Amino acid sequence: PADKGFITMKITAIVGTYRKGGVIDTAVGEILSAAREHGAETETIYLIDTHVEFCRNCRSCTQSSGDSPGVCPLNDEMPRILDALDKSDAFILASPMNFSTVTAVTKRFIERLVCFADWRWGRPAPRTRKPVREKRAVLVASSAAPAVLSRLATGMVKLMKSAAALLGAKSPDLLFIGMCAMVEHHTLSPRVIRRARRLGRKLAGGS
């Protein structure tokens, strides 16, 4: 239980893996487990189990003024996800690397974040609706290649950081796990588990 006077943190994880119980899912689980041990409330949203339509590029959601996200005309679960993230103090965005970037379901989710742009017709470029960034966040990624090589050779981390910024992240931490395709069922090393749990404690407001 949390200490007296401890402010309960709400943490939501957006998980874009196709393999529950795999590297990404396990790493996120370690982060959230450590966060719960420090009093946090957590929720995990698996994108493969969630109805999120492809963005149609109609730009309807970008036509209103103000700092609130625009309303998309598509009828799916994206509003529920955004509401959960808005009510969270911290969040996790997680995806393995596929073809040098995030998975298709993660990219589909990220493309729908265009609702955070004010891009009314006639303007040459969009303006971000939510410039205030105050949420804690962790980005979790994995790749077959060594982590440092994947980070340098692809734009995956940059894309995830851009998405996190739109969702209100102040300065997201990164857990990048490399060399994950050597065996069929890769297990996390003790070093990765320790880092994951440190990040979980940090998300929950601990040290």
C-alpha atoms as a PDB file:
ATOM      1  CA  PRO A   1       0.000   0.000   0.000  1.00  0.00           C
ATOM      2  CA  ALA A   2       1.023   3.599  -0.587  1.00  0.00           C
ATOM      3  CA  ASP A   3       2.435   5.666   2.246  1.00  0.00           C
ATOM      4  CA  LYS A   4       0.193   8.166   3.979  1.00  0.00           C
ATOM      5  CA  GLY A   5       0.152  11.393   2.034  1.00  0.00           C
ATOM      6  CA  PHE A   6       1.420   9.692  -1.146  1.00  0.00           C
ATOM      7  CA  ILE A   7      -0.306  10.975  -4.276  1.00  0.00           C
ATOM      8  CA  THR A   8      -1.536   8.063  -6.391  1.00  0.00           C
ATOM      9  CA  MET A   9      -0.228   8.190  -9.942  1.00  0.00           C
ATOM     10  CA  LYS A  10      -2.309   6.908 -12.828  1.00  0.00           C
ATOM     11  CA  ILE A  11      -0.215   5.263 -15.558  1.00  0.00           C
ATOM     12  CA  THR A  12      -1.526   4.048 -18.911  1.00  0.00           C
ATOM     13  CA  ALA A  13       0.489   1.823 -21.242  1.00  0.00           C
ATOM     14  CA  ILE A  14      -0.183   1.808 -24.992  1.00  0.00           C
ATOM     15  CA  VAL A  15       1.277  -1.442 -26.295  1.00  0.00           C
ATOM     16  CA  GLY A  16       1.749  -2.001 -30.027  1.00  0.00           C
ATOM     17  CA  THR A  17       3.189  -5.510 -30.040  1.00  0.00           C
ATOM     18  CA  TYR A  18       1.583  -8.442 -31.844  1.00  0.00           C
ATOM     19  CA  ARG A  19       2.931 -10.958 -29.319  1.00  0.00           C
ATOM     20  CA  LYS A  20       1.543 -10.914 -25.810  1.00  0.00           C
ATOM     21  CA  GLY A  21       4.060 -12.349 -23.428  1.00  0.00           C
ATOM     22  CA  GLY A  22       6.940 -11.355 -25.709  1.00  0.00           C
ATOM     23  CA  VAL A  23       9.803  -8.928 -25.167  1.00  0.00           C
ATOM     24  CA  ILE A  24       7.815  -5.696 -25.337  1.00  0.00           C
ATOM     25  CA  ASP A  25       4.883  -6.984 -23.293  1.00  0.00           C
ATOM     26  CA  THR A  26       7.194  -8.402 -20.631  1.00  0.00           C
ATOM     27  CA  ALA A  27       9.237  -5.198 -20.386  1.00  0.00           C
ATOM     28  CA  VAL A  28       6.091  -3.098 -20.028  1.00  0.00           C
ATOM     29  CA  GLY A  29       4.846  -5.540 -17.397  1.00  0.00           C
ATOM     30  CA  GLU A  30       8.014  -5.067 -15.341  1.00  0.00           C
ATOM     31  CA  ILE A  31       7.692  -1.281 -15.523  1.00  0.00           C
ATOM     32  CA  LEU A  32       4.059  -1.354 -14.446  1.00  0.00           C
ATOM     33  CA  SER A  33       4.678  -3.919 -11.714  1.00  0.00           C
ATOM     34  CA  ALA A  34       7.333  -1.718 -10.123  1.00  0.00           C
ATOM     35  CA  ALA A  35       5.051   1.312 -10.466  1.00  0.00           C
ATOM     36  CA  ARG A  36       2.188  -0.507  -8.713  1.00  0.00           C
ATOM     37  CA  GLU A  37       4.531  -1.475  -5.878  1.00  0.00           C
ATOM     38  CA  HIS A  38       5.015   2.261  -5.345  1.00  0.00           C
ATOM     39  CA  GLY A  39       1.296   2.996  -5.218  1.00  0.00           C
ATOM     40  CA  ALA A  40       0.463   3.686  -8.850  1.00  0.00           C
ATOM     41  CA  GLU A  41      -2.734   2.650 -10.594  1.00  0.00           C
ATOM     42  CA  THR A  42      -2.064   1.168 -14.024  1.00  0.00           C
ATOM     43  CA  GLU A  43      -3.923   0.287 -17.197  1.00  0.00           C
ATOM     44  CA  THR A  44      -2.657  -1.526 -20.284  1.00  0.00           C
ATOM     45  CA  ILE A  45      -4.224  -0.958 -23.694  1.00  0.00           C
ATOM     46  CA  TYR A  46      -3.207  -3.462 -26.361  1.00  0.00           C
ATOM     47  CA  LEU A  47      -3.661  -1.907 -29.793  1.00  0.00           C
ATOM     48  CA  ILE A  48      -4.236  -5.327 -31.387  1.00  0.00           C
ATOM     49  CA  ASP A  49      -7.341  -5.698 -29.206  1.00  0.00           C
ATOM     50  CA  THR A  50      -8.577  -2.145 -29.737  1.00  0.00           C
ATOM     51  CA  HIS A  51     -10.704  -0.808 -32.584  1.00  0.00           C
ATOM     52  CA  VAL A  52      -8.717   2.075 -34.079  1.00  0.00           C
ATOM     53  CA  GLU A  53      -9.525   3.030 -37.661  1.00  0.00           C
ATOM     54  CA  PHE A  54      -6.966   4.257 -40.182  1.00  0.00           C
ATOM     55  CA  CYS A  55      -6.746   8.030 -40.511  1.00  0.00           C
ATOM     56  CA  ARG A  56      -8.590   9.083 -43.702  1.00  0.00           C
ATOM     57  CA  ASN A  57      -6.603  12.336 -43.997  1.00  0.00           C
ATOM     58  CA  CYS A  58      -9.838  14.329 -44.183  1.00  0.00           C
ATOM     59  CA  ARG A  59      -8.394  16.839 -41.689  1.00  0.00           C
ATOM     60  CA  SER A  60     -11.792  17.390 -40.070  1.00  0.00           C
ATOM     61  CA  CYS A  61     -10.192  17.095 -36.637  1.00  0.00           C
ATOM     62  CA  THR A  62      -7.710  19.853 -37.456  1.00  0.00           C
ATOM     63  CA  GLN A  63     -10.235  22.525 -38.418  1.00  0.00           C
ATOM     64  CA  SER A  64     -11.329  23.762 -34.978  1.00  0.00           C
ATOM     65  CA  SER A  65      -9.424  26.396 -32.998  1.00  0.00           C
ATOM     66  CA  GLY A  66      -8.265  26.113 -29.383  1.00  0.00           C
ATOM     67  CA  ASP A  67      -5.994  23.733 -27.515  1.00  0.00           C
ATOM     68  CA  SER A  68      -8.426  20.832 -27.082  1.00  0.00           C
ATOM     69  CA  PRO A  69      -7.905  17.938 -29.518  1.00  0.00           C
ATOM     70  CA  GLY A  70     -10.101  18.068 -32.589  1.00  0.00           C
ATOM     71  CA  VAL A  71     -12.976  15.614 -32.971  1.00  0.00           C
ATOM     72  CA  CYS A  72     -12.538  12.818 -35.496  1.00  0.00           C
ATOM     73  CA  PRO A  73     -15.672  11.721 -37.410  1.00  0.00           C
ATOM     74  CA  LEU A  74     -14.627   8.051 -37.310  1.00  0.00           C
ATOM     75  CA  ASN A  75     -16.548   5.861 -34.864  1.00  0.00           C
ATOM     76  CA  ASP A  76     -14.001   3.773 -32.971  1.00  0.00           C
ATOM     77  CA  GLU A  77     -12.169   3.511 -29.634  1.00  0.00           C
ATOM     78  CA  MET A  78      -9.643   6.284 -30.216  1.00  0.00           C
ATOM     79  CA  PRO A  79     -11.569   8.768 -28.021  1.00  0.00           C
ATOM     80  CA  ARG A  80     -11.493   6.258 -25.148  1.00  0.00           C
ATOM     81  CA  ILE A  81      -7.725   5.857 -25.488  1.00  0.00           C
ATOM     82  CA  LEU A  82      -7.116   9.597 -25.604  1.00  0.00           C
ATOM     83  CA  ASP A  83      -9.373  10.115 -22.585  1.00  0.00           C
ATOM     84  CA  ALA A  84      -7.435   7.492 -20.615  1.00  0.00           C
ATOM     85  CA  LEU A  85      -4.148   9.165 -21.530  1.00  0.00           C
ATOM     86  CA  ASP A  86      -5.489  12.616 -20.679  1.00  0.00           C
ATOM     87  CA  LYS A  87      -6.518  11.411 -17.212  1.00  0.00           C
ATOM     88  CA  SER A  88      -3.134   9.752 -16.633  1.00  0.00           C
ATOM     89  CA  ASP A  89      -0.183  11.341 -14.894  1.00  0.00           C
ATOM     90  CA  ALA A  90       2.225   9.213 -16.896  1.00  0.00           C
ATOM     91  CA  PHE A  91       2.155   6.834 -19.817  1.00  0.00           C
ATOM     92  CA  ILE A  92       4.141   4.217 -21.704  1.00  0.00           C
ATOM     93  CA  LEU A  93       4.288   3.945 -25.487  1.00  0.00           C
ATOM     94  CA  ALA A  94       5.718   0.591 -26.555  1.00  0.00           C
ATOM     95  CA  SER A  95       6.407  -1.126 -29.864  1.00  0.00           C
ATOM     96  CA  PRO A  96       8.853  -3.601 -31.377  1.00  0.00           C
ATOM     97  CA  MET A  97      10.664  -2.578 -34.543  1.00  0.00           C
ATOM     98  CA  ASN A  98       9.239  -3.902 -37.809  1.00  0.00           C
ATOM     99  CA  PHE A  99      10.867  -2.864 -41.085  1.00  0.00           C
ATOM    100  CA  SER A 100      12.894  -0.144 -39.315  1.00  0.00           C
ATOM    101  CA  THR A 101       9.946   1.512 -37.595  1.00  0.00           C
ATOM    102  CA  VAL A 102       7.053   0.897 -35.209  1.00  0.00           C
ATOM    103  CA  THR A 103       4.471  -1.797 -35.930  1.00  0.00           C
ATOM    104  CA  ALA A 104       1.559  -1.034 -38.222  1.00  0.00           C
ATOM    105  CA  VAL A 105      -0.940  -0.854 -35.351  1.00  0.00           C
ATOM    106  CA  THR A 106       1.314   1.601 -33.511  1.00  0.00           C
ATOM    107  CA  LYS A 107       1.742   3.725 -36.634  1.00  0.00           C
ATOM    108  CA  ARG A 108      -2.013   3.730 -37.154  1.00  0.00           C
ATOM    109  CA  PHE A 109      -2.450   5.035 -33.596  1.00  0.00           C
ATOM    110  CA  ILE A 110       0.243   7.682 -34.081  1.00  0.00           C
ATOM    111  CA  GLU A 111      -1.299   8.921 -37.331  1.00  0.00           C
ATOM    112  CA  ARG A 112      -4.566   9.518 -35.500  1.00  0.00           C
ATOM    113  CA  LEU A 113      -2.750  11.981 -33.207  1.00  0.00           C
ATOM    114  CA  VAL A 114      -3.197  14.526 -35.989  1.00  0.00           C
ATOM    115  CA  CYS A 115      -6.177  15.630 -33.863  1.00  0.00           C
ATOM    116  CA  PHE A 116      -3.614  17.514 -31.747  1.00  0.00           C
ATOM    117  CA  ALA A 117      -2.889  19.805 -34.706  1.00  0.00           C
ATOM    118  CA  ASP A 118      -4.609  23.082 -35.577  1.00  0.00           C
ATOM    119  CA  TRP A 119      -4.282  22.976 -39.353  1.00  0.00           C
ATOM    120  CA  ARG A 120      -7.194  24.910 -40.733  1.00  0.00           C
ATOM    121  CA  TRP A 121      -7.423  25.158 -44.499  1.00  0.00           C
ATOM    122  CA  GLY A 122      -5.286  27.921 -45.940  1.00  0.00           C
ATOM    123  CA  ARG A 123      -2.493  27.535 -43.400  1.00  0.00           C
ATOM    124  CA  PRO A 124       0.837  26.273 -44.784  1.00  0.00           C
ATOM    125  CA  ALA A 125       1.708  24.200 -41.708  1.00  0.00           C
ATOM    126  CA  PRO A 126       0.006  22.832 -38.588  1.00  0.00           C
ATOM    127  CA  ARG A 127       0.285  24.254 -35.077  1.00  0.00           C
ATOM    128  CA  THR A 128       0.463  21.883 -32.120  1.00  0.00           C
ATOM    129  CA  ARG A 129      -2.636  22.327 -29.968  1.00  0.00           C
ATOM    130  CA  LYS A 130      -1.100  21.141 -26.712  1.00  0.00           C
ATOM    131  CA  PRO A 131       2.271  22.807 -26.193  1.00  0.00           C
ATOM    132  CA  VAL A 132       2.253  22.209 -22.408  1.00  0.00           C
ATOM    133  CA  ARG A 133       4.188  19.045 -21.618  1.00  0.00           C
ATOM    134  CA  GLU A 134       3.991  17.876 -18.021  1.00  0.00           C
ATOM    135  CA  LYS A 135       3.434  14.115 -18.097  1.00  0.00           C
ATOM    136  CA  ARG A 136       6.057  11.521 -17.307  1.00  0.00           C
ATOM    137  CA  ALA A 137       6.553   8.933 -20.023  1.00  0.00           C
ATOM    138  CA  VAL A 138       8.622   5.920 -21.012  1.00  0.00           C
ATOM    139  CA  LEU A 139       9.163   4.718 -24.562  1.00  0.00           C
ATOM    140  CA  VAL A 140       9.818   0.986 -24.925  1.00  0.00           C
ATOM    141  CA  ALA A 141      11.233  -0.459 -28.143  1.00  0.00           C
ATOM    142  CA  SER A 142      12.978  -3.611 -29.284  1.00  0.00           C
ATOM    143  CA  SER A 143      14.860  -4.750 -32.371  1.00  0.00           C
ATOM    144  CA  ALA A 144      16.717  -7.696 -33.871  1.00  0.00           C
ATOM    145  CA  ALA A 145      19.859  -5.585 -34.299  1.00  0.00           C
ATOM    146  CA  PRO A 146      21.880  -4.147 -31.422  1.00  0.00           C
ATOM    147  CA  ALA A 147      19.955  -1.319 -29.769  1.00  0.00           C
ATOM    148  CA  VAL A 148      22.537   1.372 -30.494  1.00  0.00           C
ATOM    149  CA  LEU A 149      22.624   0.455 -34.193  1.00  0.00           C
ATOM    150  CA  SER A 150      18.818   0.474 -34.470  1.00  0.00           C
ATOM    151  CA  ARG A 151      18.621   3.865 -32.794  1.00  0.00           C
ATOM    152  CA  LEU A 152      21.247   5.418 -35.074  1.00  0.00           C
ATOM    153  CA  ALA A 153      20.130   3.824 -38.339  1.00  0.00           C
ATOM    154  CA  THR A 154      16.360   4.420 -38.102  1.00  0.00           C
ATOM    155  CA  GLY A 155      13.952   7.176 -37.177  1.00  0.00           C
ATOM    156  CA  MET A 156      11.858   4.972 -34.897  1.00  0.00           C
ATOM    157  CA  VAL A 157      12.801   6.660 -31.628  1.00  0.00           C
ATOM    158  CA  LYS A 158      12.301  10.118 -33.131  1.00  0.00           C
ATOM    159  CA  LEU A 159       8.794   9.109 -34.260  1.00  0.00           C
ATOM    160  CA  MET A 160       7.916   7.756 -30.819  1.00  0.00           C
ATOM    161  CA  LYS A 161       9.246  10.896 -29.139  1.00  0.00           C
ATOM    162  CA  SER A 162       7.133  13.062 -31.446  1.00  0.00           C
ATOM    163  CA  ALA A 163       4.030  11.060 -30.540  1.00  0.00           C
ATOM    164  CA  ALA A 164       4.857  11.273 -26.833  1.00  0.00           C
ATOM    165  CA  ALA A 165       5.246  15.043 -27.081  1.00  0.00           C
ATOM    166  CA  LEU A 166       1.790  15.371 -28.648  1.00  0.00           C
ATOM    167  CA  LEU A 167       0.396  13.343 -25.754  1.00  0.00           C
ATOM    168  CA  GLY A 168       1.957  15.717 -23.231  1.00  0.00           C
ATOM    169  CA  ALA A 169       5.255  14.047 -22.328  1.00  0.00           C
ATOM    170  CA  LYS A 170       7.817  16.378 -20.821  1.00  0.00           C
ATOM    171  CA  SER A 171      11.009  14.403 -21.393  1.00  0.00           C
ATOM    172  CA  PRO A 172      10.363  10.687 -22.006  1.00  0.00           C
ATOM    173  CA  ASP A 173      12.793   8.024 -20.873  1.00  0.00           C
ATOM    174  CA  LEU A 174      13.727   5.245 -23.273  1.00  0.00           C
ATOM    175  CA  LEU A 175      14.127   1.503 -22.804  1.00  0.00           C
ATOM    176  CA  PHE A 176      15.485   0.041 -26.067  1.00  0.00           C
ATOM    177  CA  ILE A 177      16.132  -3.700 -26.071  1.00  0.00           C
ATOM    178  CA  GLY A 178      18.347  -5.024 -28.857  1.00  0.00           C
ATOM    179  CA  MET A 179      19.317  -8.469 -30.185  1.00  0.00           C
ATOM    180  CA  CYS A 180      15.829  -9.875 -29.697  1.00  0.00           C
ATOM    181  CA  ALA A 181      15.724 -12.284 -32.652  1.00  0.00           C
ATOM    182  CA  MET A 182      18.471 -14.757 -31.755  1.00  0.00           C
ATOM    183  CA  VAL A 183      16.053 -17.269 -30.228  1.00  0.00           C
ATOM    184  CA  GLU A 184      12.329 -17.896 -30.658  1.00  0.00           C
ATOM    185  CA  HIS A 185      11.428 -16.933 -27.107  1.00  0.00           C
ATOM    186  CA  HIS A 186      13.755 -14.148 -26.023  1.00  0.00           C
ATOM    187  CA  THR A 187      13.885 -13.457 -22.299  1.00  0.00           C
ATOM    188  CA  LEU A 188      14.848 -10.186 -20.686  1.00  0.00           C
ATOM    189  CA  SER A 189      18.280  -9.987 -19.146  1.00  0.00           C
ATOM    190  CA  PRO A 190      18.603  -9.098 -15.450  1.00  0.00           C
ATOM    191  CA  ARG A 191      20.090  -5.743 -16.504  1.00  0.00           C
ATOM    192  CA  VAL A 192      17.053  -4.897 -18.662  1.00  0.00           C
ATOM    193  CA  ILE A 193      14.677  -5.976 -15.898  1.00  0.00           C
ATOM    194  CA  ARG A 194      16.482  -3.789 -13.385  1.00  0.00           C
ATOM    195  CA  ARG A 195      16.286  -0.775 -15.710  1.00  0.00           C
ATOM    196  CA  ALA A 196      12.616  -1.441 -16.462  1.00  0.00           C
ATOM    197  CA  ARG A 197      11.792  -1.526 -12.780  1.00  0.00           C
ATOM    198  CA  ARG A 198      13.783   1.654 -12.115  1.00  0.00           C
ATOM    199  CA  LEU A 199      11.741   3.371 -14.813  1.00  0.00           C
ATOM    200  CA  GLY A 200       8.554   2.058 -13.217  1.00  0.00           C
ATOM    201  CA  ARG A 201       9.512   3.513  -9.865  1.00  0.00           C
ATOM    202  CA  LYS A 202      10.313   6.814 -11.539  1.00  0.00           C
ATOM    203  CA  LEU A 203       6.936   6.905 -13.304  1.00  0.00           C
ATOM    204  CA  ALA A 204       5.228   6.331  -9.967  1.00  0.00           C
ATOM    205  CA  GLY A 205       7.056   9.252  -8.416  1.00  0.00           C
ATOM    206  CA  GLY A 206       9.746   7.247  -6.692  1.00  0.00           C
ATOM    207  CA  SER A 207      13.507   7.435  -7.083  1.00  0.00           C
END
